[in-house]
Amino acid sequence: MSERRQRVARMLCCDHNPLRRKVDRIEAGISAGLVIAFVLVAPLLGFYIGRLADNAGIREQKAEQNWSAVHATLLQSASSGQVGAGGDWDTAWVQASWRAPAGGLQYGLVATPLNAHQGDRIQVWVTHTGRLTHEPLSRVGVLDRIGFAVITTVVGLAVALSVIGACARMAVNRRRIAGWERGWASIGPRWTSLR
């Protein structure tokens, strides 16, 4: 066990080695501080961001709870519709009509499979007034958003701390090189004169 402690002490430059410079101890302290910061901050930040994403998802679900699935009747075949609109090459946008939940007939463009024919009925999602919309956010969709937000946040924190560590290492290396140059400036002339 003491051997393991000694190894950790050497890694953190806390082994009282007289050959270690102050700059080496500073670099080890910065590295250890960044690792400790990540270990402490990442779970807290991930939890906080997860809660924010969950609350946002719940608010969106509440706003979408009055949306309804209705059947739209295609007024034209997919072959005469717009293929590739919106970047989807496997769907065609065609004219269709549907009944709004509040009453009244609505018309608009709906996405259909490429083999759809005029008169086919497809399911679309609409608001209470009959305006076309997307499918309401499901609980699985909320969980996906939470996972993405947490992972992105933790990776972003790791990248930010890595950049800080790299900048600190560059500054420490500059200082280390300046120390070497000062040392060589004082020893170099004596060494070269011995030749």
N, C-alpha and C. Protein backbone atom coordinates (compact mmCIF):
# COMPACT_ATOMS: atom_id res chain seq x y z
N MET A 1 0.82 -1.20 0.00
CA MET A 1 0.00 0.00 0.00
C MET A 1 0.86 1.26 0.00
N SER A 2 1.99 1.23 0.73
CA SER A 2 2.84 2.41 0.79
C SER A 2 3.49 2.67 -0.57
N GLU A 3 3.74 1.60 -1.33
CA GLU A 3 4.32 1.77 -2.67
C GLU A 3 3.33 2.52 -3.58
N ARG A 4 2.06 2.20 -3.45
CA ARG A 4 1.04 2.88 -4.24
C ARG A 4 0.98 4.36 -3.85
N ARG A 5 1.05 4.64 -2.56
CA ARG A 5 1.05 6.03 -2.09
C ARG A 5 2.26 6.79 -2.62
N GLN A 6 3.39 6.13 -2.63
CA GLN A 6 4.60 6.78 -3.14
C GLN A 6 4.46 7.09 -4.63
N ARG A 7 3.85 6.17 -5.37
CA ARG A 7 3.65 6.40 -6.80
C ARG A 7 2.72 7.59 -7.04
N VAL A 8 1.64 7.67 -6.27
CA VAL A 8 0.71 8.79 -6.39
C VAL A 8 1.41 10.09 -6.01
N ALA A 9 2.21 10.04 -4.95
CA ALA A 9 2.95 11.24 -4.52
C ALA A 9 3.91 11.69 -5.61
N ARG A 10 4.58 10.74 -6.28
CA ARG A 10 5.48 11.11 -7.39
C ARG A 10 4.70 11.74 -8.53
N MET A 11 3.52 11.18 -8.85
CA MET A 11 2.71 11.74 -9.94
C MET A 11 2.26 13.16 -9.63
N LEU A 12 1.96 13.44 -8.37
CA LEU A 12 1.50 14.77 -7.97
C LEU A 12 2.64 15.69 -7.56
N CYS A 13 3.88 15.21 -7.72
CA CYS A 13 5.07 16.00 -7.37
C CYS A 13 5.08 16.37 -5.89
N CYS A 14 4.56 15.51 -5.04
CA CYS A 14 4.54 15.77 -3.60
C CYS A 14 5.50 14.85 -2.86
N ASP A 15 6.51 14.35 -3.54
CA ASP A 15 7.42 13.39 -2.92
C ASP A 15 8.68 14.04 -2.37
N HIS A 16 8.74 15.37 -2.33
CA HIS A 16 9.87 16.13 -1.79
C HIS A 16 11.17 15.80 -2.50
N ASN A 17 11.07 15.50 -3.78
CA ASN A 17 12.26 15.25 -4.59
C ASN A 17 12.99 16.57 -4.79
N PRO A 18 14.27 16.67 -4.41
CA PRO A 18 14.98 17.94 -4.54
C PRO A 18 15.24 18.35 -5.98
N LEU A 19 15.12 17.41 -6.92
CA LEU A 19 15.35 17.74 -8.32
C LEU A 19 14.11 18.34 -8.99
N ARG A 20 12.97 18.27 -8.32
CA ARG A 20 11.76 18.85 -8.90
C ARG A 20 11.82 20.36 -8.74
N ARG A 21 11.47 21.03 -9.84
CA ARG A 21 11.44 22.49 -9.80
C ARG A 21 10.06 22.95 -9.36
N LYS A 22 9.98 24.19 -9.02
CA LYS A 22 8.70 24.78 -8.62
C LYS A 22 7.69 24.69 -9.76
N VAL A 23 8.17 24.89 -10.98
CA VAL A 23 7.28 24.85 -12.14
C VAL A 23 6.68 23.45 -12.32
N ASP A 24 7.44 22.40 -11.96
CA ASP A 24 6.90 21.04 -12.04
C ASP A 24 5.77 20.84 -11.04
N ARG A 25 5.95 21.38 -9.86
CA ARG A 25 4.90 21.27 -8.83
C ARG A 25 3.65 22.05 -9.23
N ILE A 26 3.87 23.22 -9.85
CA ILE A 26 2.73 24.02 -10.31
C ILE A 26 1.96 23.27 -11.39
N GLU A 27 2.69 22.68 -12.33
CA GLU A 27 2.02 21.93 -13.40
C GLU A 27 1.23 20.75 -12.83
N ALA A 28 1.82 20.01 -11.90
CA ALA A 28 1.12 18.88 -11.29
C ALA A 28 -0.11 19.36 -10.52
N GLY A 29 0.01 20.49 -9.84
CA GLY A 29 -1.13 21.03 -9.09
C GLY A 29 -2.27 21.44 -10.01
N ILE A 30 -1.93 22.06 -11.13
CA ILE A 30 -2.96 22.47 -12.09
C ILE A 30 -3.66 21.24 -12.67
N SER A 31 -2.87 20.23 -13.06
CA SER A 31 -3.46 19.02 -13.64
C SER A 31 -4.38 18.33 -12.63
N ALA A 32 -3.89 18.20 -11.39
CA ALA A 32 -4.73 17.56 -10.36
C ALA A 32 -5.98 18.38 -10.09
N GLY A 33 -5.84 19.70 -10.06
CA GLY A 33 -7.00 20.56 -9.83
C GLY A 33 -8.04 20.43 -10.93
N LEU A 34 -7.59 20.33 -12.18
CA LEU A 34 -8.53 20.18 -13.29
C LEU A 34 -9.25 18.84 -13.24
N VAL A 35 -8.53 17.78 -12.88
CA VAL A 35 -9.16 16.46 -12.78
C VAL A 35 -10.18 16.47 -11.64
N ILE A 36 -9.81 17.03 -10.51
CA ILE A 36 -10.73 17.10 -9.37
C ILE A 36 -11.95 17.96 -9.72
N ALA A 37 -11.72 19.07 -10.44
CA ALA A 37 -12.84 19.92 -10.86
C ALA A 37 -13.80 19.15 -11.75
N PHE A 38 -13.26 18.37 -12.68
CA PHE A 38 -14.13 17.59 -13.57
C PHE A 38 -14.93 16.56 -12.77
N VAL A 39 -14.24 15.85 -11.87
CA VAL A 39 -14.91 14.79 -11.10
C VAL A 39 -16.02 15.38 -10.22
N LEU A 40 -15.80 16.58 -9.69
CA LEU A 40 -16.80 17.18 -8.81
C LEU A 40 -17.90 17.90 -9.59
N VAL A 41 -17.53 18.61 -10.65
CA VAL A 41 -18.49 19.46 -11.36
C VAL A 41 -19.33 18.68 -12.37
N ALA A 42 -18.74 17.70 -13.06
CA ALA A 42 -19.47 16.99 -14.12
C ALA A 42 -20.78 16.37 -13.63
N PRO A 43 -20.80 15.63 -12.52
CA PRO A 43 -22.09 15.05 -12.08
C PRO A 43 -23.12 16.12 -11.71
N LEU A 44 -22.67 17.17 -11.02
CA LEU A 44 -23.61 18.22 -10.63
C LEU A 44 -24.16 18.95 -11.85
N LEU A 45 -23.27 19.30 -12.77
CA LEU A 45 -23.70 20.00 -13.98
C LEU A 45 -24.59 19.11 -14.84
N GLY A 46 -24.23 17.82 -14.95
CA GLY A 46 -25.06 16.88 -15.70
C GLY A 46 -26.44 16.75 -15.11
N PHE A 47 -26.51 16.66 -13.79
CA PHE A 47 -27.82 16.56 -13.11
C PHE A 47 -28.65 17.82 -13.37
N TYR A 48 -28.02 18.99 -13.23
CA TYR A 48 -28.73 20.26 -13.42
C TYR A 48 -29.24 20.40 -14.86
N ILE A 49 -28.39 20.10 -15.82
CA ILE A 49 -28.79 20.20 -17.23
C ILE A 49 -29.87 19.16 -17.54
N GLY A 50 -29.76 17.98 -16.97
CA GLY A 50 -30.80 16.96 -17.16
C GLY A 50 -32.15 17.42 -16.64
N ARG A 51 -32.14 18.06 -15.48
CA ARG A 51 -33.40 18.60 -14.92
C ARG A 51 -33.98 19.69 -15.82
N LEU A 52 -33.11 20.58 -16.32
CA LEU A 52 -33.59 21.63 -17.22
C LEU A 52 -34.21 21.03 -18.48
N ALA A 53 -33.54 20.03 -19.06
CA ALA A 53 -34.07 19.40 -20.28
C ALA A 53 -35.38 18.67 -19.98
N ASP A 54 -35.46 18.03 -18.83
CA ASP A 54 -36.70 17.34 -18.45
C ASP A 54 -37.85 18.32 -18.28
N ASN A 55 -37.59 19.43 -17.59
CA ASN A 55 -38.64 20.44 -17.41
C ASN A 55 -39.08 21.04 -18.74
N ALA A 56 -38.12 21.29 -19.63
CA ALA A 56 -38.47 21.82 -20.95
C ALA A 56 -39.32 20.81 -21.73
N GLY A 57 -38.97 19.53 -21.64
CA GLY A 57 -39.74 18.50 -22.32
C GLY A 57 -41.15 18.38 -21.76
N ILE A 58 -41.29 18.47 -20.45
CA ILE A 58 -42.63 18.40 -19.83
C ILE A 58 -43.47 19.59 -20.25
N ARG A 59 -42.86 20.78 -20.30
CA ARG A 59 -43.60 21.97 -20.76
C ARG A 59 -44.07 21.79 -22.20
N GLU A 60 -43.17 21.24 -23.05
CA GLU A 60 -43.55 21.02 -24.45
C GLU A 60 -44.67 19.99 -24.56
N GLN A 61 -44.61 18.93 -23.77
CA GLN A 61 -45.66 17.92 -23.80
C GLN A 61 -47.00 18.51 -23.37
N LYS A 62 -46.99 19.38 -22.36
CA LYS A 62 -48.24 20.01 -21.92
C LYS A 62 -48.80 20.91 -23.01
N ALA A 63 -47.91 21.63 -23.71
CA ALA A 63 -48.37 22.51 -24.78
C ALA A 63 -48.94 21.72 -25.95
N GLU A 64 -48.47 20.49 -26.13
CA GLU A 64 -48.90 19.67 -27.27
C GLU A 64 -50.02 18.69 -26.93
N GLN A 65 -50.52 18.69 -25.71
CA GLN A 65 -51.48 17.66 -25.32
C GLN A 65 -52.84 17.80 -26.01
N ASN A 66 -53.15 18.95 -26.56
CA ASN A 66 -54.45 19.08 -27.26
C ASN A 66 -54.32 18.83 -28.76
N TRP A 67 -53.16 18.40 -29.22
CA TRP A 67 -53.00 18.05 -30.61
C TRP A 67 -53.69 16.72 -30.87
N SER A 68 -54.18 16.55 -32.10
CA SER A 68 -54.93 15.34 -32.44
C SER A 68 -54.40 14.71 -33.71
N ALA A 69 -54.55 13.41 -33.79
CA ALA A 69 -54.24 12.68 -35.02
C ALA A 69 -55.54 12.58 -35.81
N VAL A 70 -55.50 13.05 -37.05
CA VAL A 70 -56.68 12.97 -37.93
C VAL A 70 -56.24 12.31 -39.24
N HIS A 71 -57.23 11.87 -40.00
CA HIS A 71 -56.94 11.27 -41.30
C HIS A 71 -57.13 12.31 -42.40
N ALA A 72 -56.09 12.45 -43.21
CA ALA A 72 -56.14 13.38 -44.34
C ALA A 72 -56.34 12.57 -45.62
N THR A 73 -57.16 13.10 -46.51
CA THR A 73 -57.40 12.47 -47.80
C THR A 73 -56.53 13.15 -48.84
N LEU A 74 -55.74 12.35 -49.57
CA LEU A 74 -54.83 12.91 -50.57
C LEU A 74 -55.63 13.37 -51.79
N LEU A 75 -55.37 14.59 -52.23
CA LEU A 75 -56.05 15.14 -53.39
C LEU A 75 -55.24 14.93 -54.66
N GLN A 76 -54.03 14.40 -54.55
CA GLN A 76 -53.21 14.07 -55.71
C GLN A 76 -52.29 12.91 -55.34
N SER A 77 -51.77 12.25 -56.36
CA SER A 77 -50.86 11.12 -56.15
C SER A 77 -49.46 11.64 -55.85
N ALA A 78 -48.66 10.78 -55.22
CA ALA A 78 -47.28 11.15 -54.89
C ALA A 78 -46.47 11.44 -56.15
N SER A 79 -46.82 10.79 -57.25
CA SER A 79 -46.07 10.99 -58.50
C SER A 79 -46.21 12.42 -59.03
N SER A 80 -47.27 13.11 -58.67
CA SER A 80 -47.44 14.49 -59.11
C SER A 80 -47.11 15.50 -58.02
N GLY A 81 -46.59 15.02 -56.89
CA GLY A 81 -46.22 15.90 -55.78
C GLY A 81 -44.78 16.38 -55.89
N GLN A 82 -44.33 17.08 -54.88
CA GLN A 82 -42.96 17.60 -54.83
C GLN A 82 -42.08 16.61 -54.08
N VAL A 83 -41.16 16.01 -54.78
CA VAL A 83 -40.24 15.06 -54.16
C VAL A 83 -38.97 15.82 -53.76
N GLY A 84 -38.46 15.52 -52.60
CA GLY A 84 -37.22 16.13 -52.15
C GLY A 84 -37.40 17.46 -51.44
N ALA A 85 -38.62 17.93 -51.29
CA ALA A 85 -38.84 19.19 -50.57
C ALA A 85 -38.48 18.98 -49.11
N GLY A 86 -37.72 19.87 -48.55
CA GLY A 86 -37.30 19.74 -47.16
C GLY A 86 -36.16 18.76 -46.99
N GLY A 87 -35.55 18.29 -48.07
CA GLY A 87 -34.41 17.40 -47.97
C GLY A 87 -34.76 15.93 -47.87
N ASP A 88 -36.03 15.57 -47.86
CA ASP A 88 -36.43 14.16 -47.77
C ASP A 88 -36.68 13.63 -49.17
N TRP A 89 -35.82 12.72 -49.62
CA TRP A 89 -35.96 12.16 -50.97
C TRP A 89 -36.85 10.92 -50.99
N ASP A 90 -37.28 10.45 -49.82
CA ASP A 90 -38.14 9.27 -49.79
C ASP A 90 -39.60 9.62 -49.53
N THR A 91 -39.93 10.93 -49.59
CA THR A 91 -41.32 11.36 -49.41
C THR A 91 -41.69 12.36 -50.49
N ALA A 92 -42.98 12.44 -50.72
CA ALA A 92 -43.51 13.44 -51.67
C ALA A 92 -44.49 14.32 -50.91
N TRP A 93 -44.50 15.59 -51.23
CA TRP A 93 -45.43 16.53 -50.61
C TRP A 93 -46.58 16.75 -51.58
N VAL A 94 -47.79 16.40 -51.13
CA VAL A 94 -48.97 16.50 -52.00
C VAL A 94 -50.08 17.25 -51.28
N GLN A 95 -51.04 17.76 -52.06
CA GLN A 95 -52.20 18.44 -51.51
C GLN A 95 -53.13 17.41 -50.86
N ALA A 96 -53.67 17.78 -49.70
CA ALA A 96 -54.59 16.90 -48.98
C ALA A 96 -55.61 17.75 -48.25
N SER A 97 -56.67 17.10 -47.83
CA SER A 97 -57.70 17.79 -47.03
C SER A 97 -57.97 16.94 -45.78
N TRP A 98 -58.35 17.62 -44.69
CA TRP A 98 -58.66 16.95 -43.43
C TRP A 98 -59.63 17.80 -42.63
N ARG A 99 -60.30 17.17 -41.69
CA ARG A 99 -61.23 17.86 -40.81
C ARG A 99 -60.51 18.29 -39.55
N ALA A 100 -60.67 19.56 -39.19
CA ALA A 100 -60.08 20.09 -37.96
C ALA A 100 -60.88 19.59 -36.77
N PRO A 101 -60.27 19.34 -35.63
CA PRO A 101 -61.01 18.92 -34.43
C PRO A 101 -62.06 19.95 -34.02
N ALA A 102 -61.81 21.24 -34.27
CA ALA A 102 -62.78 22.29 -33.92
C ALA A 102 -63.87 22.42 -34.98
N GLY A 103 -63.74 21.68 -36.06
CA GLY A 103 -64.72 21.75 -37.14
C GLY A 103 -64.15 22.48 -38.35
N GLY A 104 -64.68 22.19 -39.50
CA GLY A 104 -64.23 22.83 -40.73
C GLY A 104 -63.22 21.98 -41.47
N LEU A 105 -63.23 22.16 -42.79
CA LEU A 105 -62.33 21.41 -43.67
C LEU A 105 -61.07 22.24 -43.90
N GLN A 106 -59.91 21.61 -43.80
CA GLN A 106 -58.62 22.27 -43.99
C GLN A 106 -57.91 21.66 -45.18
N TYR A 107 -57.05 22.46 -45.83
CA TYR A 107 -56.27 22.00 -46.98
C TYR A 107 -54.80 22.37 -46.76
N GLY A 108 -53.90 21.55 -47.32
CA GLY A 108 -52.49 21.86 -47.23
C GLY A 108 -51.63 20.75 -47.79
N LEU A 109 -50.33 20.97 -47.77
CA LEU A 109 -49.36 19.97 -48.23
C LEU A 109 -49.00 19.04 -47.09
N VAL A 110 -49.02 17.73 -47.38
CA VAL A 110 -48.63 16.74 -46.39
C VAL A 110 -47.57 15.82 -47.00
N ALA A 111 -46.72 15.26 -46.16
CA ALA A 111 -45.68 14.33 -46.59
C ALA A 111 -46.27 12.94 -46.72
N THR A 112 -46.03 12.29 -47.85
CA THR A 112 -46.55 10.94 -48.10
C THR A 112 -45.44 10.04 -48.63
N PRO A 113 -45.64 8.73 -48.51
CA PRO A 113 -44.68 7.82 -49.15
C PRO A 113 -44.74 7.98 -50.67
N LEU A 114 -43.69 7.58 -51.35
CA LEU A 114 -43.63 7.76 -52.81
C LEU A 114 -44.63 6.90 -53.57
N ASN A 115 -45.22 5.89 -52.92
CA ASN A 115 -46.20 5.03 -53.59
C ASN A 115 -47.65 5.41 -53.26
N ALA A 116 -47.88 6.58 -52.67
CA ALA A 116 -49.24 6.99 -52.31
C ALA A 116 -50.02 7.43 -53.55
N HIS A 117 -51.34 7.18 -53.51
CA HIS A 117 -52.20 7.51 -54.64
C HIS A 117 -53.29 8.49 -54.21
N GLN A 118 -53.85 9.18 -55.19
CA GLN A 118 -54.94 10.11 -54.92
C GLN A 118 -56.10 9.34 -54.27
N GLY A 119 -56.68 9.91 -53.21
CA GLY A 119 -57.78 9.27 -52.51
C GLY A 119 -57.34 8.45 -51.29
N ASP A 120 -56.03 8.15 -51.20
CA ASP A 120 -55.53 7.44 -50.01
C ASP A 120 -55.72 8.32 -48.78
N ARG A 121 -55.84 7.64 -47.64
CA ARG A 121 -55.96 8.39 -46.37
C ARG A 121 -54.71 8.11 -45.54
N ILE A 122 -54.13 9.19 -45.02
CA ILE A 122 -52.96 9.05 -44.16
C ILE A 122 -53.22 9.80 -42.86
N GLN A 123 -52.49 9.41 -41.83
CA GLN A 123 -52.64 10.07 -40.53
C GLN A 123 -51.72 11.27 -40.47
N VAL A 124 -52.27 12.41 -40.02
CA VAL A 124 -51.48 13.61 -39.79
C VAL A 124 -51.82 14.15 -38.40
N TRP A 125 -50.93 14.94 -37.86
CA TRP A 125 -51.17 15.58 -36.56
C TRP A 125 -51.52 17.03 -36.78
N VAL A 126 -52.57 17.48 -36.08
CA VAL A 126 -53.03 18.86 -36.22
C VAL A 126 -53.30 19.47 -34.85
N THR A 127 -53.27 20.80 -34.82
CA THR A 127 -53.64 21.52 -33.60
C THR A 127 -55.16 21.53 -33.48
N HIS A 128 -55.68 22.12 -32.42
CA HIS A 128 -57.13 22.17 -32.21
C HIS A 128 -57.83 22.90 -33.36
N THR A 129 -57.14 23.91 -33.93
CA THR A 129 -57.75 24.67 -35.02
C THR A 129 -57.59 24.00 -36.38
N GLY A 130 -56.81 22.91 -36.43
CA GLY A 130 -56.65 22.18 -37.69
C GLY A 130 -55.35 22.46 -38.42
N ARG A 131 -54.47 23.27 -37.85
CA ARG A 131 -53.19 23.56 -38.49
C ARG A 131 -52.28 22.35 -38.38
N LEU A 132 -51.61 21.98 -39.49
CA LEU A 132 -50.71 20.84 -39.49
C LEU A 132 -49.54 21.08 -38.53
N THR A 133 -49.12 20.01 -37.88
CA THR A 133 -47.98 20.08 -36.97
C THR A 133 -47.29 18.73 -36.99
N HIS A 134 -46.31 18.56 -36.15
CA HIS A 134 -45.60 17.28 -36.06
C HIS A 134 -46.21 16.43 -34.94
N GLU A 135 -45.77 15.20 -34.86
CA GLU A 135 -46.25 14.30 -33.81
C GLU A 135 -45.82 14.85 -32.45
N PRO A 136 -46.68 14.79 -31.45
CA PRO A 136 -46.31 15.31 -30.13
C PRO A 136 -45.09 14.59 -29.56
N LEU A 137 -44.38 15.30 -28.73
CA LEU A 137 -43.18 14.77 -28.10
C LEU A 137 -43.56 13.66 -27.12
N SER A 138 -42.95 12.49 -27.28
CA SER A 138 -43.23 11.36 -26.39
C SER A 138 -42.26 11.37 -25.22
N ARG A 139 -42.52 10.53 -24.24
CA ARG A 139 -41.62 10.44 -23.08
C ARG A 139 -40.25 9.93 -23.53
N VAL A 140 -40.22 9.02 -24.50
CA VAL A 140 -38.95 8.53 -25.03
C VAL A 140 -38.18 9.68 -25.68
N GLY A 141 -38.90 10.56 -26.39
CA GLY A 141 -38.26 11.73 -26.99
C GLY A 141 -37.67 12.66 -25.94
N VAL A 142 -38.39 12.82 -24.83
CA VAL A 142 -37.88 13.65 -23.72
C VAL A 142 -36.62 13.02 -23.14
N LEU A 143 -36.64 11.70 -22.95
CA LEU A 143 -35.47 11.01 -22.41
C LEU A 143 -34.27 11.11 -23.35
N ASP A 144 -34.54 11.04 -24.66
CA ASP A 144 -33.46 11.23 -25.65
C ASP A 144 -32.85 12.62 -25.53
N ARG A 145 -33.70 13.62 -25.39
CA ARG A 145 -33.21 14.99 -25.25
C ARG A 145 -32.40 15.16 -23.97
N ILE A 146 -32.86 14.55 -22.88
CA ILE A 146 -32.14 14.63 -21.61
C ILE A 146 -30.76 13.99 -21.76
N GLY A 147 -30.72 12.80 -22.34
CA GLY A 147 -29.44 12.11 -22.53
C GLY A 147 -28.49 12.91 -23.40
N PHE A 148 -29.01 13.47 -24.49
CA PHE A 148 -28.17 14.27 -25.38
C PHE A 148 -27.64 15.51 -24.67
N ALA A 149 -28.51 16.17 -23.90
CA ALA A 149 -28.09 17.39 -23.19
C ALA A 149 -27.03 17.08 -22.15
N VAL A 150 -27.21 15.98 -21.40
CA VAL A 150 -26.24 15.63 -20.36
C VAL A 150 -24.90 15.25 -20.99
N ILE A 151 -24.93 14.40 -22.01
CA ILE A 151 -23.69 13.97 -22.65
C ILE A 151 -22.97 15.16 -23.28
N THR A 152 -23.70 16.02 -23.97
CA THR A 152 -23.09 17.19 -24.59
C THR A 152 -22.47 18.10 -23.54
N THR A 153 -23.15 18.29 -22.43
CA THR A 153 -22.64 19.15 -21.37
C THR A 153 -21.37 18.58 -20.75
N VAL A 154 -21.38 17.29 -20.44
CA VAL A 154 -20.20 16.68 -19.82
C VAL A 154 -19.02 16.68 -20.78
N VAL A 155 -19.27 16.37 -22.05
CA VAL A 155 -18.19 16.41 -23.04
C VAL A 155 -17.69 17.85 -23.21
N GLY A 156 -18.60 18.81 -23.23
CA GLY A 156 -18.19 20.22 -23.33
C GLY A 156 -17.35 20.65 -22.15
N LEU A 157 -17.71 20.20 -20.95
CA LEU A 157 -16.91 20.51 -19.76
C LEU A 157 -15.53 19.89 -19.88
N ALA A 158 -15.46 18.64 -20.34
CA ALA A 158 -14.17 17.97 -20.50
C ALA A 158 -13.30 18.71 -21.52
N VAL A 159 -13.91 19.14 -22.62
CA VAL A 159 -13.15 19.87 -23.63
C VAL A 159 -12.66 21.21 -23.07
N ALA A 160 -13.54 21.92 -22.35
CA ALA A 160 -13.15 23.22 -21.78
C ALA A 160 -12.00 23.05 -20.79
N LEU A 161 -12.10 22.06 -19.92
CA LEU A 161 -11.03 21.84 -18.95
C LEU A 161 -9.74 21.38 -19.64
N SER A 162 -9.88 20.61 -20.72
CA SER A 162 -8.69 20.19 -21.48
C SER A 162 -8.00 21.38 -22.13
N VAL A 163 -8.80 22.30 -22.66
CA VAL A 163 -8.22 23.52 -23.27
C VAL A 163 -7.52 24.34 -22.19
N ILE A 164 -8.15 24.47 -21.03
CA ILE A 164 -7.51 25.21 -19.93
C ILE A 164 -6.20 24.52 -19.53
N GLY A 165 -6.23 23.19 -19.44
CA GLY A 165 -5.02 22.44 -19.10
C GLY A 165 -3.93 22.59 -20.14
N ALA A 166 -4.32 22.58 -21.43
CA ALA A 166 -3.33 22.74 -22.50
C ALA A 166 -2.71 24.14 -22.46
N CYS A 167 -3.54 25.15 -22.21
CA CYS A 167 -3.02 26.53 -22.11
C CYS A 167 -2.08 26.65 -20.91
N ALA A 168 -2.47 26.04 -19.79
CA ALA A 168 -1.61 26.09 -18.60
C ALA A 168 -0.30 25.36 -18.87
N ARG A 169 -0.38 24.23 -19.56
CA ARG A 169 0.85 23.48 -19.87
C ARG A 169 1.76 24.28 -20.79
N MET A 170 1.18 24.98 -21.77
CA MET A 170 2.01 25.82 -22.65
C MET A 170 2.69 26.93 -21.85
N ALA A 171 1.95 27.55 -20.93
CA ALA A 171 2.54 28.61 -20.11
C ALA A 171 3.64 28.05 -19.22
N VAL A 172 3.41 26.88 -18.62
CA VAL A 172 4.42 26.25 -17.77
C VAL A 172 5.64 25.85 -18.59
N ASN A 173 5.43 25.32 -19.79
CA ASN A 173 6.55 24.94 -20.65
C ASN A 173 7.37 26.16 -21.05
N ARG A 174 6.72 27.28 -21.32
CA ARG A 174 7.47 28.51 -21.63
C ARG A 174 8.37 28.89 -20.46
N ARG A 175 7.77 28.79 -19.29
CA ARG A 175 8.55 29.13 -18.08
C ARG A 175 9.69 28.14 -17.87
N ARG A 176 9.41 26.87 -18.13
CA ARG A 176 10.44 25.83 -17.98
C ARG A 176 11.58 26.07 -18.97
N ILE A 177 11.24 26.38 -20.22
CA ILE A 177 12.27 26.65 -21.23
C ILE A 177 13.06 27.89 -20.87
N ALA A 178 12.38 28.92 -20.36
CA ALA A 178 13.11 30.13 -19.94
C ALA A 178 14.08 29.80 -18.82
N GLY A 179 13.69 28.94 -17.90
CA GLY A 179 14.59 28.51 -16.83
C GLY A 179 15.78 27.75 -17.36
N TRP A 180 15.54 26.88 -18.34
CA TRP A 180 16.65 26.14 -18.95
C TRP A 180 17.61 27.11 -19.64
N GLU A 181 17.04 28.08 -20.36
CA GLU A 181 17.89 29.04 -21.06
C GLU A 181 18.71 29.87 -20.07
N ARG A 182 18.10 30.27 -18.95
CA ARG A 182 18.85 31.01 -17.93
C ARG A 182 19.97 30.13 -17.35
N GLY A 183 19.63 28.89 -17.08
CA GLY A 183 20.64 27.96 -16.55
C GLY A 183 21.78 27.75 -17.54
N TRP A 184 21.43 27.59 -18.81
CA TRP A 184 22.47 27.38 -19.83
C TRP A 184 23.30 28.65 -20.02
N ALA A 185 22.66 29.81 -19.90
CA ALA A 185 23.40 31.07 -20.04
C ALA A 185 24.44 31.22 -18.94
N SER A 186 24.16 30.68 -17.76
CA SER A 186 25.14 30.80 -16.68
C SER A 186 26.18 29.68 -16.73
N ILE A 187 25.81 28.48 -17.20
CA ILE A 187 26.73 27.34 -17.22
C ILE A 187 27.44 27.23 -18.56
N GLY A 188 26.76 27.57 -19.63
CA GLY A 188 27.29 27.38 -20.98
C GLY A 188 28.66 28.01 -21.20
N PRO A 189 28.87 29.28 -20.85
CA PRO A 189 30.20 29.88 -21.09
C PRO A 189 31.32 29.15 -20.34
N ARG A 190 31.04 28.67 -19.12
CA ARG A 190 32.07 27.95 -18.37
C ARG A 190 32.35 26.60 -19.01
N TRP A 191 31.31 25.96 -19.51
CA TRP A 191 31.49 24.64 -20.09
C TRP A 191 32.29 24.73 -21.39
N THR A 192 31.88 25.66 -22.26
CA THR A 192 32.55 25.78 -23.56
C THR A 192 33.98 26.28 -23.42
N SER A 193 34.31 26.99 -22.35
CA SER A 193 35.68 27.46 -22.19
C SER A 193 36.62 26.35 -21.76
N LEU A 194 36.07 25.22 -21.27
CA LEU A 194 36.91 24.10 -20.86
C LEU A 194 37.43 23.30 -22.06
N ARG A 195 36.89 23.49 -23.19
CA ARG A 195 37.29 22.70 -24.36
C ARG A 195 38.57 23.14 -24.93
